[in-house]
Amino acid sequence: MTELQAIEFIQQISPNTGETEAKILLQNAVREFSVLTELQEEVQTVTTQASVFYYPFSLFSGAITADDIIRIDRVDYDGTMMDKLSGSIDDDDYSEAT
């Protein structure tokens, strides 16, 4: 189904819906579907820094806020999958990458 066909379908169900509103509704539906089905997958790379444990999402291209992230499946370092963090981190270890 093309975008135009979807807009026409929305307008058949709701004749008072304008084209712009229908496009917004359609974009919201596509985003919600992507989140629920986890169809979008992307690999991101960030340059690590010594003694830094926190890397804000803003360092990754395309991700502006935590709301843009559905789930992080794994983290690799130098080609090796990292185990989940166990133990505790000292307060001074929370330096942020820039």
C-alpha atoms as a PDB file:
ATOM      1  CA  MET A   1       0.000   0.000   0.000  1.00  0.00           C
ATOM      2  CA  THR A   2       1.407   3.377  -0.960  1.00  0.00           C
ATOM      3  CA  GLU A   3       1.249   6.452   1.257  1.00  0.00           C
ATOM      4  CA  LEU A   4      -1.407   7.961  -1.019  1.00  0.00           C
ATOM      5  CA  GLN A   5      -3.540   4.804  -0.789  1.00  0.00           C
ATOM      6  CA  ALA A   6      -3.217   4.807   3.011  1.00  0.00           C
ATOM      7  CA  ILE A   7      -4.230   8.483   3.184  1.00  0.00           C
ATOM      8  CA  GLU A   8      -7.249   7.810   0.952  1.00  0.00           C
ATOM      9  CA  PHE A   9      -8.189   4.867   3.180  1.00  0.00           C
ATOM     10  CA  ILE A  10      -7.980   7.068   6.297  1.00  0.00           C
ATOM     11  CA  GLN A  11     -10.145   9.687   4.576  1.00  0.00           C
ATOM     12  CA  GLN A  12     -12.746   7.052   3.615  1.00  0.00           C
ATOM     13  CA  ILE A  13     -13.082   6.094   7.266  1.00  0.00           C
ATOM     14  CA  SER A  14     -12.902   9.688   8.492  1.00  0.00           C
ATOM     15  CA  PRO A  15     -13.996  12.077   5.699  1.00  0.00           C
ATOM     16  CA  ASN A  16     -13.252  15.203   7.765  1.00  0.00           C
ATOM     17  CA  THR A  17      -9.557  14.310   8.056  1.00  0.00           C
ATOM     18  CA  GLY A  18      -7.359  16.489   5.862  1.00  0.00           C
ATOM     19  CA  GLU A  19      -4.318  15.219   3.969  1.00  0.00           C
ATOM     20  CA  THR A  20      -1.793  16.755   6.379  1.00  0.00           C
ATOM     21  CA  GLU A  21      -3.522  15.293   9.423  1.00  0.00           C
ATOM     22  CA  ALA A  22      -3.766  11.908   7.687  1.00  0.00           C
ATOM     23  CA  LYS A  23      -0.011  11.984   6.952  1.00  0.00           C
ATOM     24  CA  ILE A  24       0.728  12.741  10.607  1.00  0.00           C
ATOM     25  CA  LEU A  25      -1.558   9.922  11.749  1.00  0.00           C
ATOM     26  CA  LEU A  26       0.099   7.555   9.277  1.00  0.00           C
ATOM     27  CA  GLN A  27       3.642   8.510  10.388  1.00  0.00           C
ATOM     28  CA  ASN A  28       2.673   8.012  14.041  1.00  0.00           C
ATOM     29  CA  ALA A  29       1.179   4.606  13.243  1.00  0.00           C
ATOM     30  CA  VAL A  30       4.309   3.508  11.360  1.00  0.00           C
ATOM     31  CA  ARG A  31       6.544   4.607  14.255  1.00  0.00           C
ATOM     32  CA  GLU A  32       4.364   2.854  16.834  1.00  0.00           C
ATOM     33  CA  PHE A  33       4.316  -0.308  14.714  1.00  0.00           C
ATOM     34  CA  SER A  34       8.110  -0.219  14.444  1.00  0.00           C
ATOM     35  CA  VAL A  35       8.467   0.152  18.206  1.00  0.00           C
ATOM     36  CA  LEU A  36       6.019  -2.636  19.023  1.00  0.00           C
ATOM     37  CA  THR A  37       7.448  -5.094  16.500  1.00  0.00           C
ATOM     38  CA  GLU A  38      11.079  -4.011  16.985  1.00  0.00           C
ATOM     39  CA  LEU A  39      11.566  -4.128  13.224  1.00  0.00           C
ATOM     40  CA  GLN A  40      14.069  -1.295  13.096  1.00  0.00           C
ATOM     41  CA  GLU A  41      17.602  -2.395  13.713  1.00  0.00           C
ATOM     42  CA  GLU A  42      20.652  -0.231  13.582  1.00  0.00           C
ATOM     43  CA  VAL A  43      24.295  -0.628  14.484  1.00  0.00           C
ATOM     44  CA  GLN A  44      26.103   2.366  15.930  1.00  0.00           C
ATOM     45  CA  THR A  45      29.783   2.921  16.706  1.00  0.00           C
ATOM     46  CA  VAL A  46      31.316   5.306  19.192  1.00  0.00           C
ATOM     47  CA  THR A  47      34.974   5.955  19.953  1.00  0.00           C
ATOM     48  CA  THR A  48      35.689   4.854  23.505  1.00  0.00           C
ATOM     49  CA  GLN A  49      37.760   6.820  25.970  1.00  0.00           C
ATOM     50  CA  ALA A  50      39.967   5.541  28.789  1.00  0.00           C
ATOM     51  CA  SER A  51      38.281   5.411  32.224  1.00  0.00           C
ATOM     52  CA  VAL A  52      34.892   6.437  30.804  1.00  0.00           C
ATOM     53  CA  PHE A  53      31.854   4.277  31.547  1.00  0.00           C
ATOM     54  CA  TYR A  54      29.016   6.560  30.438  1.00  0.00           C
ATOM     55  CA  TYR A  55      28.349   7.362  26.782  1.00  0.00           C
ATOM     56  CA  PRO A  56      25.276   9.525  26.200  1.00  0.00           C
ATOM     57  CA  PHE A  57      23.029   8.604  23.280  1.00  0.00           C
ATOM     58  CA  SER A  58      23.733  11.998  21.733  1.00  0.00           C
ATOM     59  CA  LEU A  59      27.153  10.648  20.675  1.00  0.00           C
ATOM     60  CA  PHE A  60      25.475   8.186  18.330  1.00  0.00           C
ATOM     61  CA  SER A  61      24.325   9.355  14.908  1.00  0.00           C
ATOM     62  CA  GLY A  62      20.561   9.491  14.504  1.00  0.00           C
ATOM     63  CA  ALA A  63      19.782   8.994  18.202  1.00  0.00           C
ATOM     64  CA  ILE A  64      18.916  12.262  19.899  1.00  0.00           C
ATOM     65  CA  THR A  65      17.298  11.094  23.147  1.00  0.00           C
ATOM     66  CA  ALA A  66      16.671   7.885  25.038  1.00  0.00           C
ATOM     67  CA  ASP A  67      13.179   7.897  23.461  1.00  0.00           C
ATOM     68  CA  ASP A  68      14.835   7.087  20.121  1.00  0.00           C
ATOM     69  CA  ILE A  69      16.250   3.851  21.562  1.00  0.00           C
ATOM     70  CA  ILE A  70      13.948   0.836  21.704  1.00  0.00           C
ATOM     71  CA  ARG A  71      16.399  -1.682  23.130  1.00  0.00           C
ATOM     72  CA  ILE A  72      20.138  -2.265  23.248  1.00  0.00           C
ATOM     73  CA  ASP A  73      20.769  -5.904  22.408  1.00  0.00           C
ATOM     74  CA  ARG A  74      24.518  -6.026  22.862  1.00  0.00           C
ATOM     75  CA  VAL A  75      27.658  -3.987  23.265  1.00  0.00           C
ATOM     76  CA  ASP A  76      30.895  -4.977  21.566  1.00  0.00           C
ATOM     77  CA  TYR A  77      34.352  -3.705  22.392  1.00  0.00           C
ATOM     78  CA  ASP A  78      37.160  -4.268  19.916  1.00  0.00           C
ATOM     79  CA  GLY A  79      35.110  -6.964  18.144  1.00  0.00           C
ATOM     80  CA  THR A  80      34.226  -8.854  21.337  1.00  0.00           C
ATOM     81  CA  MET A  81      30.777  -8.906  22.914  1.00  0.00           C
ATOM     82  CA  MET A  82      30.876  -7.395  26.396  1.00  0.00           C
ATOM     83  CA  ASP A  83      29.362  -9.226  29.342  1.00  0.00           C
ATOM     84  CA  LYS A  84      26.807  -7.404  31.427  1.00  0.00           C
ATOM     85  CA  LEU A  85      28.297  -5.232  34.132  1.00  0.00           C
ATOM     86  CA  SER A  86      28.482  -6.979  37.455  1.00  0.00           C
ATOM     87  CA  GLY A  87      29.484  -5.447  40.731  1.00  0.00           C
ATOM     88  CA  SER A  88      29.422  -1.768  41.486  1.00  0.00           C
ATOM     89  CA  ILE A  89      30.949   1.357  40.023  1.00  0.00           C
ATOM     90  CA  ASP A  90      32.462   4.059  42.207  1.00  0.00           C
ATOM     91  CA  ASP A  91      30.910   7.515  41.992  1.00  0.00           C
ATOM     92  CA  ASP A  92      34.066   8.910  40.387  1.00  0.00           C
ATOM     93  CA  ASP A  93      33.683   6.361  37.539  1.00  0.00           C
ATOM     94  CA  TYR A  94      30.656   8.181  36.135  1.00  0.00           C
ATOM     95  CA  SER A  95      32.663  10.539  33.944  1.00  0.00           C
ATOM     96  CA  GLU A  96      30.829  11.250  30.709  1.00  0.00           C
ATOM     97  CA  ALA A  97      32.297  10.871  27.237  1.00  0.00           C
ATOM     98  CA  THR A  98      32.376  13.966  25.064  1.00  0.00           C
END
